């Protein structure tokens, strides 16, 4: 008897929360950790994160950045030196108060983010303009005491991310850095994850604690909730002044450095699952799929088996040599039907079916995970056909997601319409810029100001108070 309990039993359209958890667990992406709010990144999900690392490392290393690693333990006195930053994170900080059985004389924080510890070293390393710019990035985990309900990848007490921290001699140079990274993030999220985003600035009340301003990239999930998919912050001298980080410029003048920080996290994997998955399981875009093509050999008699497996291995080698991530499923204790369902659950973009007929005709059956459509490909031109199909899948997934984003974006002018559409997607409206109107929206609807678009202005009346304004903002409920 085969194990038939692997399939997803919840419908995405009926119970997206239960569907999501089943998709994560049954596809082998993650498992729950023994401490509440933690998960295990199983090899399948970590492979996706490695692809993200490789892509982003190419971008930042090509622009002069270097990877480093800083301590995860931060003494309380360092956090307190930047009061605004510390206050923003203090409810979420995990504190260490003991070392073995010995009480510590000072509490130690497990990093919720690394500004203060990295700036401690910047203070030691930066002396003159010759030491600038300092362009650092680290791949690490951070810990935040999650107050809201946890959900694998989307909201956990420990998660993986990259955090970039840079120091510059001028405001202009630092602002250019923050903007450049925003463009890198857009490229990663749209071209790899096939997720369209809304790009803009955070409002004063929603920006990163200690930032002059925060750039944000926001994506919309099928259940009408937004996911903050990446942020890039211009911090000005808000950290360098309280921490005393100065440099001597070319004219011999002492000045404070201007800094930026920026990050994307494994929350993106949660958005990937939520955005593209269906009732059968994951649907992975080819550029991120750990396995782009799975080969399923089909045979009945033993004399067929060896010939089919030999040909399947030949096909595998051809694709692998062309740089395609391919796997041959040669398990002999599972039926072809079971394997089809298993790889559909895991979201592999292309399935190749190889049996005696394919061996004889040298024509293979290609099955697409995104559309379910089947086609045939000649063995002599298989590599080109597979690459073309992978490209079509990637482009098609983004197009489909972009159409969904447009259908879930509602432009309104009245507060009644605003409240009616909140929870169904992004609500785009004029806003006067006041924190009081922003707070009223949050109190009335639990929605927050997700982004103020960078180059979009439209005269109108604030959707809350009616004041004349040209500020446009996107509001939504969020994870």
Protein backbone atom coordinates (compact mmCIF):
# COMPACT_ATOMS: atom_id res chain seq x y z
CA UNK A 1 0.00 0.00 0.00
CA UNK A 2 1.28 3.44 -0.87
CA UNK A 3 1.24 6.37 1.51
CA UNK A 4 -1.74 8.38 0.27
CA UNK A 5 -1.97 10.93 3.07
CA UNK A 6 0.58 13.34 1.60
CA UNK A 7 -1.82 15.35 -0.49
CA UNK A 8 -3.25 18.67 0.61
CA UNK A 9 -6.78 18.33 1.94
CA UNK A 10 -7.63 22.03 2.36
CA UNK A 11 -8.77 24.21 -0.54
CA UNK A 12 -6.79 27.42 -1.02
CA UNK A 13 -9.95 29.34 -1.93
CA UNK A 14 -11.84 28.11 1.15
CA UNK A 15 -9.27 28.01 3.97
CA UNK A 16 -6.04 29.62 2.84
CA UNK A 17 -4.47 29.49 6.31
CA UNK A 18 -4.86 25.72 6.65
CA UNK A 19 -3.94 25.25 3.00
CA UNK A 20 -0.74 27.23 3.53
CA UNK A 21 0.39 25.23 6.57
CA UNK A 22 -0.27 21.94 4.77
CA UNK A 23 1.58 23.17 1.67
CA UNK A 24 4.62 24.10 3.76
CA UNK A 25 4.74 20.89 5.79
CA UNK A 26 3.69 18.30 3.22
CA UNK A 27 5.95 19.62 0.45
CA UNK A 28 8.99 19.24 2.69
CA UNK A 29 9.74 22.96 2.95
CA UNK A 30 9.77 23.22 6.74
CA UNK A 31 8.94 21.58 10.04
CA UNK A 32 8.12 23.13 13.39
CA UNK A 33 10.92 23.68 15.92
CA UNK A 34 10.66 22.65 19.59
CA UNK A 35 10.54 26.31 20.70
CA UNK A 36 7.35 28.19 19.81
CA UNK A 37 7.75 30.43 16.78
CA UNK A 38 10.70 28.55 15.30
CA UNK A 39 10.94 26.33 12.23
CA UNK A 40 13.43 24.04 10.54
CA UNK A 41 14.42 25.12 7.05
CA UNK A 42 14.47 21.74 5.36
CA UNK A 43 16.82 21.20 2.40
CA UNK A 44 14.12 22.04 -0.16
CA UNK A 45 13.44 25.53 1.20
CA UNK A 46 17.08 26.17 2.07
CA UNK A 47 18.01 25.39 -1.55
CA UNK A 48 15.70 28.22 -2.61
CA UNK A 49 17.43 30.54 -0.13
CA UNK A 50 20.82 29.51 -1.54
CA UNK A 51 19.68 30.50 -5.04
CA UNK A 52 18.62 33.90 -3.64
CA UNK A 53 22.01 34.24 -1.94
CA UNK A 54 23.87 33.46 -5.15
CA UNK A 55 21.81 35.95 -7.18
CA UNK A 56 22.02 38.79 -4.67
CA UNK A 57 25.71 38.20 -3.95
CA UNK A 58 26.44 38.66 -7.65
CA UNK A 59 24.63 42.00 -7.58
CA UNK A 60 26.25 43.45 -4.47
CA UNK A 61 29.73 42.08 -5.08
CA UNK A 62 29.59 43.58 -8.55
CA UNK A 63 29.09 47.00 -6.93
CA UNK A 64 31.91 46.72 -4.41
CA UNK A 65 30.19 45.20 -1.37
CA UNK A 66 31.73 42.49 0.80
CA UNK A 67 30.17 39.86 3.03
CA UNK A 68 31.14 39.70 6.69
CA UNK A 69 29.74 38.27 9.91
CA UNK A 70 29.19 40.06 13.22
CA UNK A 71 28.36 38.74 16.71
CA UNK A 72 24.74 37.83 17.43
CA UNK A 73 25.14 38.94 21.08
CA UNK A 74 24.71 42.66 21.73
CA UNK A 75 25.32 44.23 25.18
CA UNK A 76 22.43 46.32 26.45
CA UNK A 77 24.55 49.46 26.76
CA UNK A 78 25.14 49.48 22.99
CA UNK A 79 21.43 49.31 22.23
CA UNK A 80 20.70 52.11 24.66
CA UNK A 81 23.11 54.47 22.89
CA UNK A 82 20.63 54.72 20.05
CA UNK A 83 17.45 55.37 22.01
CA UNK A 84 14.96 55.63 19.14
CA UNK A 85 16.24 52.45 17.51
CA UNK A 86 16.23 50.57 20.82
CA UNK A 87 12.72 51.71 21.68
CA UNK A 88 11.46 50.45 18.33
CA UNK A 89 12.76 46.93 18.96
CA UNK A 90 12.63 46.59 22.76
CA UNK A 91 9.28 44.70 22.88
CA UNK A 92 10.70 42.04 20.54
CA UNK A 93 14.17 41.51 22.03
CA UNK A 94 15.22 38.17 23.51
CA UNK A 95 17.42 38.83 26.53
CA UNK A 96 20.17 36.63 27.98
CA UNK A 97 20.54 37.09 31.73
CA UNK A 98 22.59 34.03 32.67
CA UNK A 99 25.79 32.35 31.52
CA UNK A 100 25.47 28.79 32.82
CA UNK A 101 24.44 29.23 36.46
CA UNK A 102 26.08 32.65 36.75
CA UNK A 103 23.97 35.84 36.61
CA UNK A 104 25.31 38.33 34.08
CA UNK A 105 26.18 41.82 35.26
CA UNK A 106 24.60 43.23 32.08
CA UNK A 107 21.81 41.85 29.94
CA UNK A 108 22.79 40.65 26.47
CA UNK A 109 20.39 40.92 23.55
CA UNK A 110 20.13 38.28 20.83
CA UNK A 111 20.27 40.44 17.71
CA UNK A 112 16.90 41.64 16.42
CA UNK A 113 18.95 43.54 13.81
CA UNK A 114 22.61 44.53 13.73
CA UNK A 115 22.89 48.30 13.38
CA UNK A 116 24.32 48.91 16.84
CA UNK A 117 26.85 46.05 16.87
CA UNK A 118 28.09 46.86 13.35
CA UNK A 119 28.38 50.57 14.15
CA UNK A 120 30.43 49.65 17.20
CA UNK A 121 33.01 48.31 14.76
CA UNK A 122 32.55 51.13 12.26
CA UNK A 123 33.60 53.47 15.04
CA UNK A 124 36.86 51.52 15.29
CA UNK A 125 37.45 51.08 11.57
CA UNK A 126 36.54 54.47 10.07
CA UNK A 127 39.04 57.24 10.58
CA UNK A 128 39.26 59.26 7.35
CA UNK A 129 37.64 59.66 3.96
CA UNK A 130 40.06 56.99 2.72
CA UNK A 131 38.11 54.39 4.74
CA UNK A 132 34.87 55.26 2.96
CA UNK A 133 32.61 54.05 1.57
CA UNK A 134 32.41 50.97 3.80
CA UNK A 135 30.07 48.51 2.09
CA UNK A 136 29.19 45.50 4.23
CA UNK A 137 26.60 42.75 4.09
CA UNK A 138 25.97 39.72 6.24
CA UNK A 139 23.83 36.59 5.86
CA UNK A 140 22.57 35.51 9.26
CA UNK A 141 19.57 34.80 11.44
CA UNK A 142 17.83 37.27 13.71
CA UNK A 143 15.50 36.68 16.64
CA UNK A 144 12.45 38.70 17.54
CA UNK A 145 9.93 37.74 20.20
CA UNK A 146 6.93 37.40 17.89
CA UNK A 147 3.84 38.85 19.54
CA UNK A 148 1.35 38.01 16.80
CA UNK A 149 0.34 34.49 15.77
CA UNK A 150 3.21 32.74 14.03
CA UNK A 151 3.10 31.28 10.51
CA UNK A 152 6.03 29.38 8.93
CA UNK A 153 8.30 31.70 6.90
CA UNK A 154 5.86 34.63 7.00
CA UNK A 155 6.07 35.34 10.73
CA UNK A 156 8.46 33.48 13.03
CA UNK A 157 10.57 34.32 16.08
CA UNK A 158 13.77 33.44 14.25
CA UNK A 159 14.32 33.92 10.54
CA UNK A 160 17.12 34.12 8.01
CA UNK A 161 17.98 37.26 6.11
CA UNK A 162 20.70 39.37 4.62
CA UNK A 163 21.34 42.76 6.17
CA UNK A 164 23.47 45.31 4.43
CA UNK A 165 25.11 48.16 6.34
CA UNK A 166 27.07 50.89 4.59
CA UNK A 167 28.88 54.04 5.60
CA UNK A 168 29.40 57.06 3.32
CA UNK A 169 30.99 60.47 3.46
CA UNK A 170 27.97 62.34 2.06
CA UNK A 171 24.21 62.28 2.17
CA UNK A 172 24.01 62.08 -1.62
CA UNK A 173 26.21 59.01 -1.78
CA UNK A 174 24.24 57.22 0.95
CA UNK A 175 20.90 58.05 -0.66
CA UNK A 176 22.17 56.73 -3.99
CA UNK A 177 23.15 53.50 -2.23
CA UNK A 178 19.70 53.04 -0.65
CA UNK A 179 18.03 53.62 -4.01
CA UNK A 180 20.35 51.23 -5.86
CA UNK A 181 19.66 48.41 -3.42
CA UNK A 182 15.93 49.00 -3.80
CA UNK A 183 16.36 48.32 -7.51
CA UNK A 184 18.27 45.10 -6.77
CA UNK A 185 15.45 43.92 -4.53
CA UNK A 186 12.85 44.68 -7.18
CA UNK A 187 14.83 42.60 -9.64
CA UNK A 188 15.14 39.66 -7.22
CA UNK A 189 11.46 39.65 -6.23
CA UNK A 190 10.00 40.15 -9.69
CA UNK A 191 12.49 38.27 -11.85
CA UNK A 192 13.18 35.32 -9.53
CA UNK A 193 10.11 35.02 -7.30
CA UNK A 194 7.77 36.14 -10.12
CA UNK A 195 5.96 38.34 -7.60
CA UNK A 196 4.96 41.88 -8.68
CA UNK A 197 5.50 44.56 -6.07
CA UNK A 198 4.39 48.04 -5.07
CA UNK A 199 7.45 50.19 -4.44
CA UNK A 200 7.52 53.35 -2.37
CA UNK A 201 8.42 55.00 0.93
CA UNK A 202 7.06 54.21 4.36
CA UNK A 203 5.21 56.91 6.27
CA UNK A 204 6.86 58.48 9.32
CA UNK A 205 4.94 56.21 11.69
CA UNK A 206 5.72 53.05 9.71
CA UNK A 207 9.38 53.67 8.85
CA UNK A 208 12.26 51.76 10.41
CA UNK A 209 13.11 52.99 13.90
CA UNK A 210 16.03 55.42 13.57
CA UNK A 211 15.73 55.93 9.81
CA UNK A 212 15.44 59.29 8.06
CA UNK A 213 13.25 57.43 5.57
CA UNK A 214 12.51 53.86 4.56
CA UNK A 215 12.00 52.49 1.06
CA UNK A 216 9.71 49.49 0.93
CA UNK A 217 8.58 46.81 -1.50
CA UNK A 218 5.12 45.43 -0.81
CA UNK A 219 3.49 42.36 -2.33
CA UNK A 220 -0.16 41.32 -2.15
CA UNK A 221 -1.21 37.79 -1.27
CA UNK A 222 -4.34 36.07 -2.65
CA UNK A 223 -6.11 36.42 0.72
CA UNK A 224 -5.97 40.21 0.53
CA UNK A 225 -3.08 40.72 2.96
CA UNK A 226 0.18 42.51 2.15
CA UNK A 227 3.67 41.19 2.79
CA UNK A 228 6.55 43.60 3.31
CA UNK A 229 9.00 41.96 0.94
CA UNK A 230 12.10 44.12 1.40
CA UNK A 231 13.25 47.43 2.85
CA UNK A 232 16.11 49.85 2.27
CA UNK A 233 16.76 52.62 4.77
CA UNK A 234 18.61 55.91 4.57
CA UNK A 235 19.70 56.47 8.18
CA UNK A 236 21.48 59.80 7.74
CA UNK A 237 23.55 60.55 10.84
CA UNK A 238 20.91 59.21 13.24
CA UNK A 239 23.25 56.43 14.31
CA UNK A 240 26.65 57.98 13.77
CA UNK A 241 25.95 61.00 16.01
CA UNK A 242 24.86 59.17 19.19
CA UNK A 243 27.53 56.52 18.63
CA UNK A 244 30.23 59.10 17.83
CA UNK A 245 31.28 57.75 14.44
CA UNK A 246 33.23 60.45 12.62
CA UNK A 247 35.80 60.71 9.86
CA UNK A 248 38.25 63.34 8.67
CA UNK A 249 37.38 64.62 5.20
CA UNK A 250 39.81 65.67 2.46
CA UNK A 251 39.99 69.19 3.93
CA UNK A 252 40.79 67.96 7.42
CA UNK A 253 37.31 68.59 8.82
CA UNK A 254 35.72 66.09 11.21
CA UNK A 255 32.28 64.91 10.05
CA UNK A 256 29.75 62.22 10.92
CA UNK A 257 29.28 59.37 8.48
CA UNK A 258 25.99 58.87 6.64
CA UNK A 259 24.71 55.31 6.78
CA UNK A 260 22.22 52.94 5.16
CA UNK A 261 20.84 49.54 6.04
CA UNK A 262 18.76 47.18 3.95
CA UNK A 263 17.41 43.63 4.03
CA UNK A 264 15.32 40.86 2.53
CA UNK A 265 14.43 37.73 4.46
CA UNK A 266 13.08 34.21 4.20
CA UNK A 267 9.63 35.79 4.55
CA UNK A 268 9.89 35.88 0.74
CA UNK A 269 9.69 32.08 0.69
CA UNK A 270 6.35 32.33 2.47
CA UNK A 271 5.16 34.88 -0.08
CA UNK A 272 6.34 32.56 -2.87
CA UNK A 273 4.24 29.68 -1.53
CA UNK A 274 1.20 31.86 -0.87
CA UNK A 275 1.34 33.72 -4.19
CA UNK A 276 1.75 30.85 -6.64
CA UNK A 277 0.58 27.66 -4.91
CA UNK A 278 -2.63 25.83 -5.79
CA UNK A 279 -4.75 23.02 -4.37
CA UNK A 280 -2.15 20.44 -5.46
CA UNK A 281 0.68 22.18 -3.60
CA UNK A 282 3.58 24.44 -4.52
CA UNK A 283 4.09 26.01 -7.94
CA UNK A 284 7.70 27.18 -8.15
CA UNK A 285 9.04 29.65 -10.72
CA UNK A 286 11.90 28.01 -12.64
CA UNK A 287 14.59 30.52 -11.65
CA UNK A 288 14.09 29.61 -7.98
CA UNK A 289 13.12 25.95 -8.26
CA UNK A 290 15.77 23.67 -6.67
CA UNK A 291 14.65 21.06 -9.21
CA UNK A 292 13.59 22.53 -12.54
CA UNK A 293 12.91 19.22 -14.29
CA UNK A 294 12.01 15.86 -12.81
CA UNK A 295 12.24 12.73 -14.95
CA UNK A 296 9.73 10.00 -14.17
CA UNK A 297 10.55 6.66 -15.85
CA UNK A 298 7.53 4.48 -16.66
CA UNK A 299 7.82 0.75 -17.22
CA UNK A 300 6.07 -2.52 -16.41
CA UNK A 301 8.27 -5.44 -17.32
CA UNK A 302 11.77 -5.84 -15.90
CA UNK A 303 13.30 -6.00 -19.37
CA UNK A 304 11.79 -2.56 -20.07
CA UNK A 305 13.12 -1.14 -16.80
CA UNK A 306 16.83 -1.24 -17.65
CA UNK A 307 16.38 0.28 -21.10
CA UNK A 308 14.07 3.03 -19.81
CA UNK A 309 16.38 3.85 -16.89
CA UNK A 310 19.43 3.92 -19.15
CA UNK A 311 17.70 6.36 -21.51
CA UNK A 312 16.40 8.40 -18.55
CA UNK A 313 19.96 8.75 -17.22
CA UNK A 314 21.11 9.79 -20.67
CA UNK A 315 18.43 12.51 -20.74
CA UNK A 316 19.37 13.60 -17.22
CA UNK A 317 23.04 13.97 -18.16
CA UNK A 318 22.21 16.00 -21.24
CA UNK A 319 20.06 18.45 -19.26
CA UNK A 320 22.49 18.67 -16.34
CA UNK A 321 25.38 19.41 -18.69
CA UNK A 322 23.31 22.31 -20.06
CA UNK A 323 23.03 23.79 -16.55
CA UNK A 324 19.45 22.68 -15.92
CA UNK A 325 18.66 21.51 -12.38
CA UNK A 326 17.30 18.03 -13.02
CA UNK A 327 16.39 14.97 -10.94
CA UNK A 328 15.67 11.41 -11.98
CA UNK A 329 13.03 9.80 -9.76
CA UNK A 330 14.07 6.16 -9.96
CA UNK A 331 12.33 5.02 -6.78
CA UNK A 332 11.17 1.48 -7.40
CA UNK A 333 8.70 1.35 -4.50
CA UNK A 334 6.41 4.09 -5.83
CA UNK A 335 4.09 4.06 -8.82
CA UNK A 336 4.29 6.68 -11.60
CA UNK A 337 0.98 8.13 -10.39
CA UNK A 338 2.32 8.58 -6.88
CA UNK A 339 5.44 10.26 -8.24
CA UNK A 340 3.36 12.62 -10.40
CA UNK A 341 1.41 13.75 -7.34
CA UNK A 342 4.53 14.00 -5.21
CA UNK A 343 6.36 16.29 -7.63
CA UNK A 344 3.24 18.35 -8.23
CA UNK A 345 3.07 18.86 -4.45
CA UNK A 346 6.68 20.07 -4.51
CA UNK A 347 5.96 22.43 -7.41
CA UNK A 348 8.65 21.25 -9.86
CA UNK A 349 8.12 23.31 -13.06
CA UNK A 350 8.52 20.51 -15.62
CA UNK A 351 7.94 16.77 -15.50
CA UNK A 352 9.35 14.52 -18.21
CA UNK A 353 7.68 11.14 -18.68
CA UNK A 354 9.84 8.46 -20.26
CA UNK A 355 8.53 5.00 -21.11
CA UNK A 356 9.07 2.36 -23.81
CA UNK A 357 7.21 4.46 -26.39
CA UNK A 358 9.39 7.51 -25.70
CA UNK A 359 12.46 5.31 -25.85
CA UNK A 360 11.37 3.96 -29.23
CA UNK A 361 10.28 7.28 -30.79
CA UNK A 362 12.86 9.50 -29.04
CA UNK A 363 9.97 11.86 -28.39
CA UNK A 364 9.34 12.87 -24.76
CA UNK A 365 6.22 14.08 -22.96
CA UNK A 366 6.65 17.44 -21.20
CA UNK A 367 4.15 18.28 -18.47
CA UNK A 368 4.03 21.86 -17.13
CA UNK A 369 3.27 22.37 -13.44
CA UNK A 370 1.90 25.90 -13.85
CA UNK A 371 -0.76 25.14 -16.46
CA UNK A 372 -0.97 21.35 -16.35
CA UNK A 373 -0.61 21.27 -20.15
CA UNK A 374 1.34 18.53 -21.88
CA UNK A 375 3.40 18.70 -25.05
CA UNK A 376 5.97 16.61 -26.87
CA UNK A 377 9.63 17.30 -27.51
CA UNK A 378 12.13 15.62 -29.79
CA UNK A 379 15.12 14.21 -27.97
CA UNK A 380 17.47 15.79 -30.52
CA UNK A 381 16.32 19.30 -29.55
CA UNK A 382 15.31 18.60 -25.94
CA UNK A 383 17.66 21.02 -24.19
CA UNK A 384 16.48 23.99 -26.25
CA UNK A 385 12.83 23.02 -25.80
CA UNK A 386 13.23 22.68 -22.04
CA UNK A 387 15.00 26.05 -21.72
CA UNK A 388 12.31 27.74 -23.83
CA UNK A 389 9.57 26.15 -21.72
CA UNK A 390 11.21 27.19 -18.46
CA UNK A 391 11.37 30.77 -19.74
CA UNK A 392 7.69 30.66 -20.75
CA UNK A 393 6.72 29.35 -17.31
CA UNK A 394 8.70 32.07 -15.51
CA UNK A 395 7.19 34.83 -17.65
CA UNK A 396 3.70 33.35 -17.45
CA UNK A 397 3.77 33.11 -13.67
CA UNK A 398 4.77 36.75 -13.32
CA UNK A 399 2.13 37.85 -15.82
CA UNK A 400 -0.56 35.92 -13.98
CA UNK A 401 0.52 37.32 -10.61
CA UNK A 402 0.65 40.85 -12.03
CA UNK A 403 -2.88 40.55 -13.37
CA UNK A 404 -4.00 39.34 -9.94
CA UNK A 405 -2.29 42.33 -8.28
CA UNK A 406 -4.12 44.74 -10.60
CA UNK A 407 -7.45 43.06 -9.83
CA UNK A 408 -6.73 43.39 -6.10
CA UNK A 409 -5.83 47.10 -6.17
CA UNK A 410 -8.76 49.44 -5.56
CA UNK A 411 -8.56 53.19 -6.05
CA UNK A 412 -11.14 54.99 -3.88
CA UNK A 413 -12.09 58.54 -2.97
CA UNK A 414 -14.60 58.02 -0.12
CA UNK A 415 -13.98 56.61 3.34
CA UNK A 416 -16.99 54.30 3.00
CA UNK A 417 -15.45 52.73 -0.12
CA UNK A 418 -12.10 52.62 1.64
CA UNK A 419 -13.53 50.54 4.49
CA UNK A 420 -15.46 48.35 2.06
CA UNK A 421 -12.38 47.31 0.10
CA UNK A 422 -9.86 47.04 2.93
CA UNK A 423 -9.02 43.39 3.44
CA UNK A 424 -9.55 42.58 -0.23
CA UNK A 425 -6.21 43.91 -1.45
CA UNK A 426 -4.40 47.23 -1.73
CA UNK A 427 -6.60 50.29 -1.31
CA UNK A 428 -5.11 53.28 -3.09
CA UNK A 429 -6.27 56.69 -1.92
CA UNK A 430 -5.31 60.31 -1.34
CA UNK A 431 -3.95 60.91 2.15
CA UNK A 432 -3.13 64.22 3.78
CA UNK A 433 0.08 62.94 5.37
CA UNK A 434 -1.08 63.34 8.97
CA UNK A 435 -0.45 60.66 11.55
CA UNK A 436 -3.90 61.27 13.02
CA UNK A 437 -5.66 60.21 9.81
CA UNK A 438 -3.29 57.26 9.52
CA UNK A 439 -4.07 56.25 13.11
CA UNK A 440 -7.82 56.49 12.50
CA UNK A 441 -7.52 54.13 9.54
CA UNK A 442 -5.59 51.66 11.68
CA UNK A 443 -8.11 51.92 14.52
CA UNK A 444 -11.15 51.57 12.26
CA UNK A 445 -9.85 48.83 9.95
CA UNK A 446 -6.54 47.41 11.42
CA UNK A 447 -4.98 48.31 8.04
CA UNK A 448 -1.71 50.21 7.79
CA UNK A 449 -0.08 52.55 5.32
CA UNK A 450 2.01 50.15 3.25
CA UNK A 451 3.71 52.50 0.77
CA UNK A 452 3.76 56.04 -0.61
CA UNK A 453 4.71 55.64 -4.30
CA UNK A 454 7.90 57.44 -5.28
CA UNK A 455 6.81 59.17 -8.49
CA UNK A 456 3.04 59.20 -8.31
CA UNK A 457 1.05 62.26 -7.27
CA UNK A 458 -2.60 63.07 -7.78
CA UNK A 459 -4.58 66.00 -6.47
CA UNK A 460 -7.59 65.10 -4.41
CA UNK A 461 -9.06 65.07 -0.94
CA UNK A 462 -7.73 63.00 1.95
CA UNK A 463 -9.90 59.92 2.16
CA UNK A 464 -10.26 60.43 5.93
CA UNK A 465 -10.43 64.16 6.69
CA UNK A 466 -11.16 65.67 3.25
CA UNK A 467 -8.15 67.98 3.25
CA UNK A 468 -6.73 68.88 -0.20
CA UNK A 469 -3.56 66.87 -0.93
CA UNK A 470 -1.54 65.38 -3.76
CA UNK A 471 -0.15 62.47 -1.71
CA UNK A 472 -1.15 58.98 -2.82
CA UNK A 473 -0.76 56.01 -0.47
CA UNK A 474 -1.44 52.28 -0.57
CA UNK A 475 -3.15 50.80 2.48
CA UNK A 476 -3.76 47.14 3.36
CA UNK A 477 -3.99 44.63 6.12
CA UNK A 478 -0.80 42.63 6.46
CA UNK A 479 0.96 39.58 7.85
